[in-house]
Amino acid sequence: MLRFLVRRVLGAIVILILISAVTYFLFFALPSDPARLSCGKVCTPTQLSLIRHNMGLDQPIWEQYWHYMVGIFAGRDMTSGHCSAPCLGFSFASQQPVWDIIKDRYPDTLTLAVMGAAIFLIIGVGLGLISAAKQGGVFDKVASAISLTGQSVQIYFIGPIAIYLFADTLGWLPHGQDVNWSGDPVGSITGMLLPALVMSVIFWSNYSRQTRSLMVEQLQEEHVRTARAKGMGSRYVFFRYALRGAMGPIITIFGIDLGSVFGGAIITESTFGLHGIGQLAVQAVLGTDLPLEMGVMLFSATSIVIFNVIIDASYAFIDPRIRLA
């Protein structure tokens, strides 16, 4: 197991280095000029040259990238001041360290992603298991119809409807508010519940159909039929044999969907007015804030890679054959 984890971690490091290199090239080597953006509309050639020198843009691109990577681990001195590790530069718009901005915004996105994932896994897998156990019945048909409908809707469509129905009309849940775990943990959960429910609709609809399909397939496997022939109880066979066989693909699908969860968080945060990484990314793009764009991209990629390593470890724990792959 340890060798498997070491291989996955080393692979993750290589992936992150490649992502950082490609991202840096896209944001700093292609046509936008960070120095001109920082200089403003009224900019003389002398001012532009000075800014380019102060930002290190007059150096070869590989040297710029090296200083950027060293700054992430050791910090660096910049024209805006000393940038402590992990240094992702200073925002063009606010002149604040990008890392400090991300730290301030990330709790909203992390809470939304974790709550949304927990909801869609519980509802989606739960509905899929019940549908597989009662395949062909009324519950199975109704659940399949609901799942198909859920996959067809979009967050920006059901979000306003959910706000009007559950927040404005019934008053069951707040509209959605930023988290404050140190001051109001209960309010942080309730304030994120409606956005998390809305974001999870598309996902649990998919997981319900996937789980049902996998379970129906597993129930037809030879080892499951053998267990039944030996007189084992249907419930025991269902959970001990069929569910264990279906869990591996479900975990794999969940690992693939992690990127989609972060993508869904961007739309959800915009719909509910939350100040998370998603809204920060939109602001950075609209304001052409290159250091902030770069920081958000690297931070999001790192988070997704770390979560995928955890998913791989969980998969290997469930199925020992994966460790030998």
C-alpha atoms as a PDB file:
ATOM      1  CA  MET A   1       0.000   0.000   0.000  1.00  0.00           C
ATOM      2  CA  LEU A   2       2.865   2.356   0.867  1.00  0.00           C
ATOM      3  CA  ARG A   3       4.542   1.786  -2.516  1.00  0.00           C
ATOM      4  CA  PHE A   4       1.226   2.442  -4.246  1.00  0.00           C
ATOM      5  CA  LEU A   5       0.777   5.745  -2.387  1.00  0.00           C
ATOM      6  CA  VAL A   6       4.371   6.808  -3.112  1.00  0.00           C
ATOM      7  CA  ARG A   7       3.832   6.176  -6.843  1.00  0.00           C
ATOM      8  CA  ARG A   8       0.603   8.169  -6.813  1.00  0.00           C
ATOM      9  CA  VAL A   9       2.160  11.079  -4.899  1.00  0.00           C
ATOM     10  CA  LEU A  10       5.169  11.235  -7.227  1.00  0.00           C
ATOM     11  CA  GLY A  11       2.844  11.133 -10.217  1.00  0.00           C
ATOM     12  CA  ALA A  12       0.768  13.928  -8.690  1.00  0.00           C
ATOM     13  CA  ILE A  13       3.898  16.082  -8.239  1.00  0.00           C
ATOM     14  CA  VAL A  14       4.842  15.601 -11.901  1.00  0.00           C
ATOM     15  CA  ILE A  15       1.314  16.514 -12.977  1.00  0.00           C
ATOM     16  CA  LEU A  16       1.337  19.680 -10.854  1.00  0.00           C
ATOM     17  CA  ILE A  17       4.707  20.757 -12.291  1.00  0.00           C
ATOM     18  CA  LEU A  18       3.378  20.287 -15.820  1.00  0.00           C
ATOM     19  CA  ILE A  19       0.174  22.171 -14.990  1.00  0.00           C
ATOM     20  CA  SER A  20       2.140  25.041 -13.468  1.00  0.00           C
ATOM     21  CA  ALA A  21       4.438  25.271 -16.508  1.00  0.00           C
ATOM     22  CA  VAL A  22       1.599  25.205 -19.038  1.00  0.00           C
ATOM     23  CA  THR A  23      -0.491  27.646 -17.013  1.00  0.00           C
ATOM     24  CA  TYR A  24       2.404  30.048 -16.578  1.00  0.00           C
ATOM     25  CA  PHE A  25       3.113  30.012 -20.299  1.00  0.00           C
ATOM     26  CA  LEU A  26      -0.533  30.606 -21.187  1.00  0.00           C
ATOM     27  CA  PHE A  27      -0.981  33.515 -18.802  1.00  0.00           C
ATOM     28  CA  PHE A  28       2.377  35.256 -19.085  1.00  0.00           C
ATOM     29  CA  ALA A  29       3.834  34.358 -22.484  1.00  0.00           C
ATOM     30  CA  LEU A  30       0.772  34.757 -24.726  1.00  0.00           C
ATOM     31  CA  PRO A  31      -0.455  37.938 -26.060  1.00  0.00           C
ATOM     32  CA  SER A  32      -1.557  39.836 -22.921  1.00  0.00           C
ATOM     33  CA  ASP A  33       1.251  41.992 -21.512  1.00  0.00           C
ATOM     34  CA  PRO A  34       1.142  42.056 -17.677  1.00  0.00           C
ATOM     35  CA  ALA A  35       3.330  45.171 -17.593  1.00  0.00           C
ATOM     36  CA  ARG A  36       0.965  47.136 -19.836  1.00  0.00           C
ATOM     37  CA  LEU A  37      -2.034  45.983 -17.814  1.00  0.00           C
ATOM     38  CA  SER A  38      -0.319  47.076 -14.620  1.00  0.00           C
ATOM     39  CA  CYS A  39       0.815  50.384 -16.126  1.00  0.00           C
ATOM     40  CA  GLY A  40      -2.711  51.547 -16.964  1.00  0.00           C
ATOM     41  CA  LYS A  41      -4.215  53.443 -19.897  1.00  0.00           C
ATOM     42  CA  VAL A  42      -1.822  56.413 -19.782  1.00  0.00           C
ATOM     43  CA  CYS A  43       1.563  54.745 -20.027  1.00  0.00           C
ATOM     44  CA  THR A  44       4.777  56.091 -21.543  1.00  0.00           C
ATOM     45  CA  PRO A  45       7.409  53.784 -23.056  1.00  0.00           C
ATOM     46  CA  THR A  46       9.771  54.689 -20.211  1.00  0.00           C
ATOM     47  CA  GLN A  47       7.207  53.741 -17.557  1.00  0.00           C
ATOM     48  CA  LEU A  48       6.404  50.524 -19.405  1.00  0.00           C
ATOM     49  CA  SER A  49      10.081  49.570 -19.610  1.00  0.00           C
ATOM     50  CA  LEU A  50      10.587  50.284 -15.895  1.00  0.00           C
ATOM     51  CA  ILE A  51       7.549  48.222 -14.916  1.00  0.00           C
ATOM     52  CA  ARG A  52       8.673  45.338 -17.096  1.00  0.00           C
ATOM     53  CA  HIS A  53      12.069  45.406 -15.394  1.00  0.00           C
ATOM     54  CA  ASN A  54      10.556  45.607 -11.889  1.00  0.00           C
ATOM     55  CA  MET A  55       8.223  42.691 -12.650  1.00  0.00           C
ATOM     56  CA  GLY A  56      11.072  40.648 -14.081  1.00  0.00           C
ATOM     57  CA  LEU A  57       9.394  40.431 -17.483  1.00  0.00           C
ATOM     58  CA  ASP A  58      12.593  41.425 -19.279  1.00  0.00           C
ATOM     59  CA  GLN A  59      14.120  38.085 -18.272  1.00  0.00           C
ATOM     60  CA  PRO A  60      13.837  34.862 -20.317  1.00  0.00           C
ATOM     61  CA  ILE A  61      10.537  33.068 -19.799  1.00  0.00           C
ATOM     62  CA  TRP A  62      12.187  30.017 -18.230  1.00  0.00           C
ATOM     63  CA  GLU A  63      13.941  32.261 -15.682  1.00  0.00           C
ATOM     64  CA  GLN A  64      10.662  33.989 -14.847  1.00  0.00           C
ATOM     65  CA  TYR A  65       9.046  30.594 -14.315  1.00  0.00           C
ATOM     66  CA  TRP A  66      11.941  29.447 -12.094  1.00  0.00           C
ATOM     67  CA  HIS A  67      11.612  32.522  -9.856  1.00  0.00           C
ATOM     68  CA  TYR A  68       7.845  31.977  -9.677  1.00  0.00           C
ATOM     69  CA  MET A  69       8.240  28.350  -8.578  1.00  0.00           C
ATOM     70  CA  VAL A  70      10.966  29.201  -6.050  1.00  0.00           C
ATOM     71  CA  GLY A  71       8.666  31.885  -4.640  1.00  0.00           C
ATOM     72  CA  ILE A  72       5.947  29.325  -3.993  1.00  0.00           C
ATOM     73  CA  PHE A  73       8.248  27.384  -1.658  1.00  0.00           C
ATOM     74  CA  ALA A  74      10.655  30.045  -0.358  1.00  0.00           C
ATOM     75  CA  GLY A  75       8.966  33.401  -0.956  1.00  0.00           C
ATOM     76  CA  ARG A  76      10.436  36.261  -2.983  1.00  0.00           C
ATOM     77  CA  ASP A  77      10.995  40.014  -2.982  1.00  0.00           C
ATOM     78  CA  MET A  78       8.829  41.923  -5.469  1.00  0.00           C
ATOM     79  CA  THR A  79       8.218  45.569  -6.262  1.00  0.00           C
ATOM     80  CA  SER A  80       4.986  45.464  -4.213  1.00  0.00           C
ATOM     81  CA  GLY A  81       6.951  44.200  -1.209  1.00  0.00           C
ATOM     82  CA  HIS A  82       8.130  40.899   0.219  1.00  0.00           C
ATOM     83  CA  CYS A  83       5.888  37.988  -0.692  1.00  0.00           C
ATOM     84  CA  SER A  84       6.074  35.207   1.888  1.00  0.00           C
ATOM     85  CA  ALA A  85       5.830  31.550   0.906  1.00  0.00           C
ATOM     86  CA  PRO A  86       3.685  30.286  -0.652  1.00  0.00           C
ATOM     87  CA  CYS A  87       4.084  33.299  -2.916  1.00  0.00           C
ATOM     88  CA  LEU A  88       1.695  33.464  -5.869  1.00  0.00           C
ATOM     89  CA  GLY A  89       2.407  37.105  -6.606  1.00  0.00           C
ATOM     90  CA  PHE A  90       0.369  40.253  -5.988  1.00  0.00           C
ATOM     91  CA  SER A  91      -3.030  41.014  -7.475  1.00  0.00           C
ATOM     92  CA  PHE A  92      -3.002  43.768 -10.104  1.00  0.00           C
ATOM     93  CA  ALA A  93      -6.353  45.092  -8.857  1.00  0.00           C
ATOM     94  CA  SER A  94      -5.891  45.146  -5.068  1.00  0.00           C
ATOM     95  CA  GLN A  95      -2.082  44.847  -4.729  1.00  0.00           C
ATOM     96  CA  GLN A  96      -2.691  42.201  -2.066  1.00  0.00           C
ATOM     97  CA  PRO A  97      -0.858  38.867  -1.993  1.00  0.00           C
ATOM     98  CA  VAL A  98      -2.772  36.378  -4.122  1.00  0.00           C
ATOM     99  CA  TRP A  99      -2.360  33.671  -1.482  1.00  0.00           C
ATOM    100  CA  ASP A 100      -4.044  35.843   1.167  1.00  0.00           C
ATOM    101  CA  ILE A 101      -6.985  36.488  -1.176  1.00  0.00           C
ATOM    102  CA  ILE A 102      -7.376  32.775  -1.907  1.00  0.00           C
ATOM    103  CA  LYS A 103      -7.176  31.872   1.792  1.00  0.00           C
ATOM    104  CA  ASP A 104      -9.975  34.324   2.498  1.00  0.00           C
ATOM    105  CA  ARG A 105     -12.214  32.909  -0.256  1.00  0.00           C
ATOM    106  CA  TYR A 106     -11.474  29.188  -0.161  1.00  0.00           C
ATOM    107  CA  PRO A 107     -13.572  28.239   2.936  1.00  0.00           C
ATOM    108  CA  ASP A 108     -16.775  29.014   1.017  1.00  0.00           C
ATOM    109  CA  THR A 109     -15.807  26.835  -1.954  1.00  0.00           C
ATOM    110  CA  LEU A 110     -14.492  23.979   0.192  1.00  0.00           C
ATOM    111  CA  THR A 111     -17.626  23.960   2.351  1.00  0.00           C
ATOM    112  CA  LEU A 112     -19.883  24.080  -0.698  1.00  0.00           C
ATOM    113  CA  ALA A 113     -17.960  21.279  -2.440  1.00  0.00           C
ATOM    114  CA  VAL A 114     -17.821  18.997   0.616  1.00  0.00           C
ATOM    115  CA  MET A 115     -21.477  19.488   1.540  1.00  0.00           C
ATOM    116  CA  GLY A 116     -22.591  19.111  -2.058  1.00  0.00           C
ATOM    117  CA  ALA A 117     -20.532  15.928  -2.504  1.00  0.00           C
ATOM    118  CA  ALA A 118     -21.878  14.433   0.725  1.00  0.00           C
ATOM    119  CA  ILE A 119     -25.466  15.197  -0.326  1.00  0.00           C
ATOM    120  CA  PHE A 120     -25.237  13.836  -3.842  1.00  0.00           C
ATOM    121  CA  LEU A 121     -23.406  10.696  -2.722  1.00  0.00           C
ATOM    122  CA  ILE A 122     -25.956   9.916   0.006  1.00  0.00           C
ATOM    123  CA  ILE A 123     -29.026  10.669  -2.110  1.00  0.00           C
ATOM    124  CA  GLY A 124     -27.672   9.362  -5.414  1.00  0.00           C
ATOM    125  CA  VAL A 125     -26.171   6.109  -4.136  1.00  0.00           C
ATOM    126  CA  GLY A 126     -29.123   5.572  -1.788  1.00  0.00           C
ATOM    127  CA  LEU A 127     -31.706   5.938  -4.555  1.00  0.00           C
ATOM    128  CA  GLY A 128     -29.623   3.743  -6.858  1.00  0.00           C
ATOM    129  CA  LEU A 129     -29.416   0.955  -4.263  1.00  0.00           C
ATOM    130  CA  ILE A 130     -33.145   1.011  -3.551  1.00  0.00           C
ATOM    131  CA  SER A 131     -33.952   1.083  -7.275  1.00  0.00           C
ATOM    132  CA  ALA A 132     -31.675  -1.913  -7.882  1.00  0.00           C
ATOM    133  CA  ALA A 133     -33.270  -3.837  -5.003  1.00  0.00           C
ATOM    134  CA  LYS A 134     -36.745  -3.052  -6.345  1.00  0.00           C
ATOM    135  CA  GLN A 135     -35.914  -3.095 -10.062  1.00  0.00           C
ATOM    136  CA  GLY A 136     -38.957  -3.037 -12.287  1.00  0.00           C
ATOM    137  CA  GLY A 137     -41.190  -1.787  -9.478  1.00  0.00           C
ATOM    138  CA  VAL A 138     -42.999   1.514  -9.000  1.00  0.00           C
ATOM    139  CA  PHE A 139     -40.182   3.026  -6.917  1.00  0.00           C
ATOM    140  CA  ASP A 140     -37.623   2.100  -9.563  1.00  0.00           C
ATOM    141  CA  LYS A 141     -39.622   3.742 -12.355  1.00  0.00           C
ATOM    142  CA  VAL A 142     -40.356   6.913 -10.359  1.00  0.00           C
ATOM    143  CA  ALA A 143     -36.716   7.247  -9.214  1.00  0.00           C
ATOM    144  CA  SER A 144     -35.472   6.762 -12.794  1.00  0.00           C
ATOM    145  CA  ALA A 145     -37.848   9.469 -14.056  1.00  0.00           C
ATOM    146  CA  ILE A 146     -36.748  11.888 -11.315  1.00  0.00           C
ATOM    147  CA  SER A 147     -33.054  11.172 -12.012  1.00  0.00           C
ATOM    148  CA  LEU A 148     -33.523  11.745 -15.731  1.00  0.00           C
ATOM    149  CA  THR A 149     -35.266  15.062 -15.021  1.00  0.00           C
ATOM    150  CA  GLY A 150     -32.543  16.096 -12.570  1.00  0.00           C
ATOM    151  CA  GLN A 151     -29.842  15.511 -15.179  1.00  0.00           C
ATOM    152  CA  SER A 152     -31.677  17.778 -17.617  1.00  0.00           C
ATOM    153  CA  VAL A 153     -31.826  20.914 -15.450  1.00  0.00           C
ATOM    154  CA  GLN A 154     -29.098  23.470 -14.800  1.00  0.00           C
ATOM    155  CA  ILE A 155     -27.940  25.229 -11.648  1.00  0.00           C
ATOM    156  CA  TYR A 156     -28.738  28.718 -12.950  1.00  0.00           C
ATOM    157  CA  PHE A 157     -32.304  27.513 -13.663  1.00  0.00           C
ATOM    158  CA  ILE A 158     -33.180  25.680 -10.439  1.00  0.00           C
ATOM    159  CA  GLY A 159     -31.153  28.057  -8.228  1.00  0.00           C
ATOM    160  CA  PRO A 160     -33.545  31.050  -8.459  1.00  0.00           C
ATOM    161  CA  ILE A 161     -36.540  28.678  -8.172  1.00  0.00           C
ATOM    162  CA  ALA A 162     -35.089  27.138  -4.996  1.00  0.00           C
ATOM    163  CA  ILE A 163     -34.387  30.587  -3.531  1.00  0.00           C
ATOM    164  CA  TYR A 164     -37.946  31.761  -4.240  1.00  0.00           C
ATOM    165  CA  LEU A 165     -39.579  28.568  -2.947  1.00  0.00           C
ATOM    166  CA  PHE A 166     -37.510  27.517   0.060  1.00  0.00           C
ATOM    167  CA  ALA A 167     -36.079  30.868   1.185  1.00  0.00           C
ATOM    168  CA  ASP A 168     -38.548  33.602   0.196  1.00  0.00           C
ATOM    169  CA  THR A 169     -41.891  31.750   0.269  1.00  0.00           C
ATOM    170  CA  LEU A 170     -41.548  28.938   2.824  1.00  0.00           C
ATOM    171  CA  GLY A 171     -38.661  30.424   4.815  1.00  0.00           C
ATOM    172  CA  TRP A 172     -37.154  27.012   5.519  1.00  0.00           C
ATOM    173  CA  LEU A 173     -33.599  27.925   4.566  1.00  0.00           C
ATOM    174  CA  PRO A 174     -31.581  31.151   4.193  1.00  0.00           C
ATOM    175  CA  HIS A 175     -30.712  32.426   0.724  1.00  0.00           C
ATOM    176  CA  GLY A 176     -27.094  31.395   1.134  1.00  0.00           C
ATOM    177  CA  GLN A 177     -24.352  33.133   3.082  1.00  0.00           C
ATOM    178  CA  ASP A 178     -20.581  33.040   3.420  1.00  0.00           C
ATOM    179  CA  VAL A 179     -19.178  30.693   6.038  1.00  0.00           C
ATOM    180  CA  ASN A 180     -17.788  31.864   9.365  1.00  0.00           C
ATOM    181  CA  TRP A 181     -16.630  28.717  11.103  1.00  0.00           C
ATOM    182  CA  SER A 182     -14.943  30.475  14.003  1.00  0.00           C
ATOM    183  CA  GLY A 183     -17.870  32.770  14.828  1.00  0.00           C
ATOM    184  CA  ASP A 184     -21.005  30.910  13.707  1.00  0.00           C
ATOM    185  CA  PRO A 185     -20.480  27.232  12.776  1.00  0.00           C
ATOM    186  CA  VAL A 186     -24.206  26.411  12.817  1.00  0.00           C
ATOM    187  CA  GLY A 187     -24.988  29.403  10.603  1.00  0.00           C
ATOM    188  CA  SER A 188     -22.182  28.367   8.274  1.00  0.00           C
ATOM    189  CA  ILE A 189     -23.855  24.997   7.711  1.00  0.00           C
ATOM    190  CA  THR A 190     -27.404  26.311   7.311  1.00  0.00           C
ATOM    191  CA  GLY A 191     -26.212  29.167   5.093  1.00  0.00           C
ATOM    192  CA  MET A 192     -24.571  26.700   2.688  1.00  0.00           C
ATOM    193  CA  LEU A 193     -27.312  24.060   2.767  1.00  0.00           C
ATOM    194  CA  LEU A 194     -29.524  25.495   0.017  1.00  0.00           C
ATOM    195  CA  PRO A 195     -26.625  26.181  -2.413  1.00  0.00           C
ATOM    196  CA  ALA A 196     -25.229  22.689  -1.724  1.00  0.00           C
ATOM    197  CA  LEU A 197     -28.624  21.085  -2.356  1.00  0.00           C
ATOM    198  CA  VAL A 198     -29.032  22.947  -5.640  1.00  0.00           C
ATOM    199  CA  MET A 199     -25.510  22.076  -6.813  1.00  0.00           C
ATOM    200  CA  SER A 200     -25.985  18.406  -5.922  1.00  0.00           C
ATOM    201  CA  VAL A 201     -29.138  17.868  -8.021  1.00  0.00           C
ATOM    202  CA  ILE A 202     -27.334  17.169 -11.300  1.00  0.00           C
ATOM    203  CA  PHE A 203     -24.765  14.959  -9.587  1.00  0.00           C
ATOM    204  CA  TRP A 204     -27.084  12.793  -7.487  1.00  0.00           C
ATOM    205  CA  SER A 205     -29.285  12.257 -10.532  1.00  0.00           C
ATOM    206  CA  ASN A 206     -26.291  10.818 -12.377  1.00  0.00           C
ATOM    207  CA  TYR A 207     -25.096   8.749  -9.401  1.00  0.00           C
ATOM    208  CA  SER A 208     -28.555   7.279  -8.924  1.00  0.00           C
ATOM    209  CA  ARG A 209     -28.601   5.965 -12.486  1.00  0.00           C
ATOM    210  CA  GLN A 210     -24.961   4.829 -12.354  1.00  0.00           C
ATOM    211  CA  THR A 211     -25.399   3.017  -9.021  1.00  0.00           C
ATOM    212  CA  ARG A 212     -28.560   1.270 -10.185  1.00  0.00           C
ATOM    213  CA  SER A 213     -26.882   0.122 -13.395  1.00  0.00           C
ATOM    214  CA  LEU A 214     -23.780  -1.144 -11.587  1.00  0.00           C
ATOM    215  CA  MET A 215     -25.785  -2.947  -8.917  1.00  0.00           C
ATOM    216  CA  VAL A 216     -28.065  -4.649 -11.440  1.00  0.00           C
ATOM    217  CA  GLU A 217     -24.961  -5.806 -13.287  1.00  0.00           C
ATOM    218  CA  GLN A 218     -23.306  -7.048 -10.104  1.00  0.00           C
ATOM    219  CA  LEU A 219     -26.407  -8.959  -9.037  1.00  0.00           C
ATOM    220  CA  GLN A 220     -26.052 -11.045 -12.211  1.00  0.00           C
ATOM    221  CA  GLU A 221     -22.413 -11.952 -11.557  1.00  0.00           C
ATOM    222  CA  GLU A 222     -21.415 -15.579 -11.007  1.00  0.00           C
ATOM    223  CA  HIS A 223     -20.139 -15.122  -7.468  1.00  0.00           C
ATOM    224  CA  VAL A 224     -23.375 -13.425  -6.402  1.00  0.00           C
ATOM    225  CA  ARG A 225     -25.500 -16.246  -7.813  1.00  0.00           C
ATOM    226  CA  THR A 226     -23.204 -18.751  -6.090  1.00  0.00           C
ATOM    227  CA  ALA A 227     -23.638 -16.972  -2.754  1.00  0.00           C
ATOM    228  CA  ARG A 228     -27.406 -17.136  -3.170  1.00  0.00           C
ATOM    229  CA  ALA A 229     -27.229 -20.829  -4.087  1.00  0.00           C
ATOM    230  CA  LYS A 230     -25.351 -21.498  -0.834  1.00  0.00           C
ATOM    231  CA  GLY A 231     -28.357 -20.189   1.082  1.00  0.00           C
ATOM    232  CA  MET A 232     -27.020 -16.784   2.106  1.00  0.00           C
ATOM    233  CA  GLY A 233     -29.638 -14.153   2.861  1.00  0.00           C
ATOM    234  CA  SER A 234     -30.577 -11.787   0.041  1.00  0.00           C
ATOM    235  CA  ARG A 235     -29.751  -8.692   2.134  1.00  0.00           C
ATOM    236  CA  TYR A 236     -26.347 -10.084   3.074  1.00  0.00           C
ATOM    237  CA  VAL A 237     -25.560 -10.949  -0.548  1.00  0.00           C
ATOM    238  CA  PHE A 238     -26.780  -7.539  -1.713  1.00  0.00           C
ATOM    239  CA  PHE A 239     -24.507  -5.543   0.603  1.00  0.00           C
ATOM    240  CA  ARG A 240     -21.589  -7.956   1.100  1.00  0.00           C
ATOM    241  CA  TYR A 241     -21.044  -9.037  -2.497  1.00  0.00           C
ATOM    242  CA  ALA A 242     -22.943  -6.866  -4.977  1.00  0.00           C
ATOM    243  CA  LEU A 243     -22.354  -3.493  -3.294  1.00  0.00           C
ATOM    244  CA  ARG A 244     -18.653  -4.175  -2.737  1.00  0.00           C
ATOM    245  CA  GLY A 245     -18.239  -4.959  -6.426  1.00  0.00           C
ATOM    246  CA  ALA A 246     -20.043  -1.770  -7.445  1.00  0.00           C
ATOM    247  CA  MET A 247     -18.184   0.550  -5.056  1.00  0.00           C
ATOM    248  CA  GLY A 248     -14.951   0.566  -7.074  1.00  0.00           C
ATOM    249  CA  PRO A 249     -16.468   2.101 -10.239  1.00  0.00           C
ATOM    250  CA  ILE A 250     -18.508   4.542  -8.129  1.00  0.00           C
ATOM    251  CA  ILE A 251     -15.358   5.789  -6.398  1.00  0.00           C
ATOM    252  CA  THR A 252     -13.641   6.117  -9.788  1.00  0.00           C
ATOM    253  CA  ILE A 253     -16.545   8.167 -11.146  1.00  0.00           C
ATOM    254  CA  PHE A 254     -16.422  10.341  -8.029  1.00  0.00           C
ATOM    255  CA  GLY A 255     -12.719  11.029  -8.592  1.00  0.00           C
ATOM    256  CA  ILE A 256     -13.429  12.080 -12.178  1.00  0.00           C
ATOM    257  CA  ASP A 257     -16.309  14.293 -11.039  1.00  0.00           C
ATOM    258  CA  LEU A 258     -14.188  16.286  -8.581  1.00  0.00           C
ATOM    259  CA  GLY A 259     -13.292  18.759 -11.315  1.00  0.00           C
ATOM    260  CA  SER A 260     -16.980  19.075 -12.193  1.00  0.00           C
ATOM    261  CA  VAL A 261     -17.780  19.789  -8.542  1.00  0.00           C
ATOM    262  CA  PHE A 262     -15.442  22.792  -8.603  1.00  0.00           C
ATOM    263  CA  GLY A 263     -16.946  23.865 -11.921  1.00  0.00           C
ATOM    264  CA  GLY A 264     -20.422  23.618 -10.431  1.00  0.00           C
ATOM    265  CA  ALA A 265     -19.258  25.682  -7.467  1.00  0.00           C
ATOM    266  CA  ILE A 266     -18.420  28.594  -9.790  1.00  0.00           C
ATOM    267  CA  ILE A 267     -21.981  28.758 -11.148  1.00  0.00           C
ATOM    268  CA  THR A 268     -23.533  28.114  -7.726  1.00  0.00           C
ATOM    269  CA  GLU A 269     -21.519  30.868  -6.045  1.00  0.00           C
ATOM    270  CA  SER A 270     -22.556  33.336  -8.738  1.00  0.00           C
ATOM    271  CA  THR A 271     -26.213  32.299  -8.417  1.00  0.00           C
ATOM    272  CA  PHE A 272     -26.305  32.649  -4.632  1.00  0.00           C
ATOM    273  CA  GLY A 273     -23.901  35.601  -4.317  1.00  0.00           C
ATOM    274  CA  LEU A 274     -21.268  33.656  -2.380  1.00  0.00           C
ATOM    275  CA  HIS A 275     -17.701  34.954  -2.201  1.00  0.00           C
ATOM    276  CA  GLY A 276     -15.711  31.835  -2.976  1.00  0.00           C
ATOM    277  CA  ILE A 277     -13.009  30.716  -5.386  1.00  0.00           C
ATOM    278  CA  GLY A 278     -15.516  30.452  -8.226  1.00  0.00           C
ATOM    279  CA  GLN A 279     -16.602  34.075  -8.001  1.00  0.00           C
ATOM    280  CA  LEU A 280     -12.967  35.085  -7.484  1.00  0.00           C
ATOM    281  CA  ALA A 281     -11.999  33.332 -10.735  1.00  0.00           C
ATOM    282  CA  VAL A 282     -14.744  35.173 -12.615  1.00  0.00           C
ATOM    283  CA  GLN A 283     -13.600  38.510 -11.196  1.00  0.00           C
ATOM    284  CA  ALA A 284      -9.969  37.768 -12.104  1.00  0.00           C
ATOM    285  CA  VAL A 285     -10.891  36.948 -15.708  1.00  0.00           C
ATOM    286  CA  LEU A 286     -13.160  39.970 -16.133  1.00  0.00           C
ATOM    287  CA  GLY A 287     -10.515  42.260 -14.614  1.00  0.00           C
ATOM    288  CA  THR A 288      -7.614  40.626 -16.512  1.00  0.00           C
ATOM    289  CA  ASP A 289      -5.877  40.128 -13.173  1.00  0.00           C
ATOM    290  CA  LEU A 290      -3.215  37.684 -14.400  1.00  0.00           C
ATOM    291  CA  PRO A 291      -1.489  36.873 -11.073  1.00  0.00           C
ATOM    292  CA  LEU A 292      -4.866  36.173  -9.498  1.00  0.00           C
ATOM    293  CA  GLU A 293      -5.946  34.034 -12.470  1.00  0.00           C
ATOM    294  CA  MET A 294      -2.701  32.088 -12.253  1.00  0.00           C
ATOM    295  CA  GLY A 295      -3.021  31.598  -8.490  1.00  0.00           C
ATOM    296  CA  VAL A 296      -6.620  30.425  -8.661  1.00  0.00           C
ATOM    297  CA  MET A 297      -5.797  28.015 -11.480  1.00  0.00           C
ATOM    298  CA  LEU A 298      -2.828  26.475  -9.658  1.00  0.00           C
ATOM    299  CA  PHE A 299      -4.663  26.279  -6.347  1.00  0.00           C
ATOM    300  CA  SER A 300      -7.715  24.620  -7.900  1.00  0.00           C
ATOM    301  CA  ALA A 301      -5.553  22.158  -9.841  1.00  0.00           C
ATOM    302  CA  THR A 302      -3.602  21.282  -6.697  1.00  0.00           C
ATOM    303  CA  SER A 303      -6.816  20.696  -4.745  1.00  0.00           C
ATOM    304  CA  ILE A 304      -8.225  18.422  -7.469  1.00  0.00           C
ATOM    305  CA  VAL A 305      -4.966  16.421  -7.727  1.00  0.00           C
ATOM    306  CA  ILE A 306      -4.797  15.961  -3.938  1.00  0.00           C
ATOM    307  CA  PHE A 307      -8.413  14.799  -3.806  1.00  0.00           C
ATOM    308  CA  ASN A 308      -7.730  12.347  -6.651  1.00  0.00           C
ATOM    309  CA  VAL A 309      -4.782  10.863  -4.749  1.00  0.00           C
ATOM    310  CA  ILE A 310      -7.118  10.343  -1.762  1.00  0.00           C
ATOM    311  CA  ILE A 311      -9.690   8.726  -4.060  1.00  0.00           C
ATOM    312  CA  ASP A 312      -7.016   6.421  -5.540  1.00  0.00           C
ATOM    313  CA  ALA A 313      -5.957   5.397  -2.026  1.00  0.00           C
ATOM    314  CA  SER A 314      -9.580   4.655  -1.096  1.00  0.00           C
ATOM    315  CA  TYR A 315     -10.032   2.621  -4.268  1.00  0.00           C
ATOM    316  CA  ALA A 316      -6.853   0.632  -3.534  1.00  0.00           C
ATOM    317  CA  PHE A 317      -8.024  -0.021   0.022  1.00  0.00           C
ATOM    318  CA  ILE A 318     -11.324  -1.463  -1.251  1.00  0.00           C
ATOM    319  CA  ASP A 319      -9.793  -3.464  -4.112  1.00  0.00           C
ATOM    320  CA  PRO A 320      -6.256  -4.778  -3.333  1.00  0.00           C
ATOM    321  CA  ARG A 321      -5.720  -5.668  -7.006  1.00  0.00           C
ATOM    322  CA  ILE A 322      -5.381  -1.951  -7.792  1.00  0.00           C
ATOM    323  CA  ARG A 323      -2.195  -1.723  -5.681  1.00  0.00           C
ATOM    324  CA  LEU A 324      -0.412  -4.062  -8.083  1.00  0.00           C
ATOM    325  CA  ALA A 325      -1.388  -2.087 -11.200  1.00  0.00           C
END
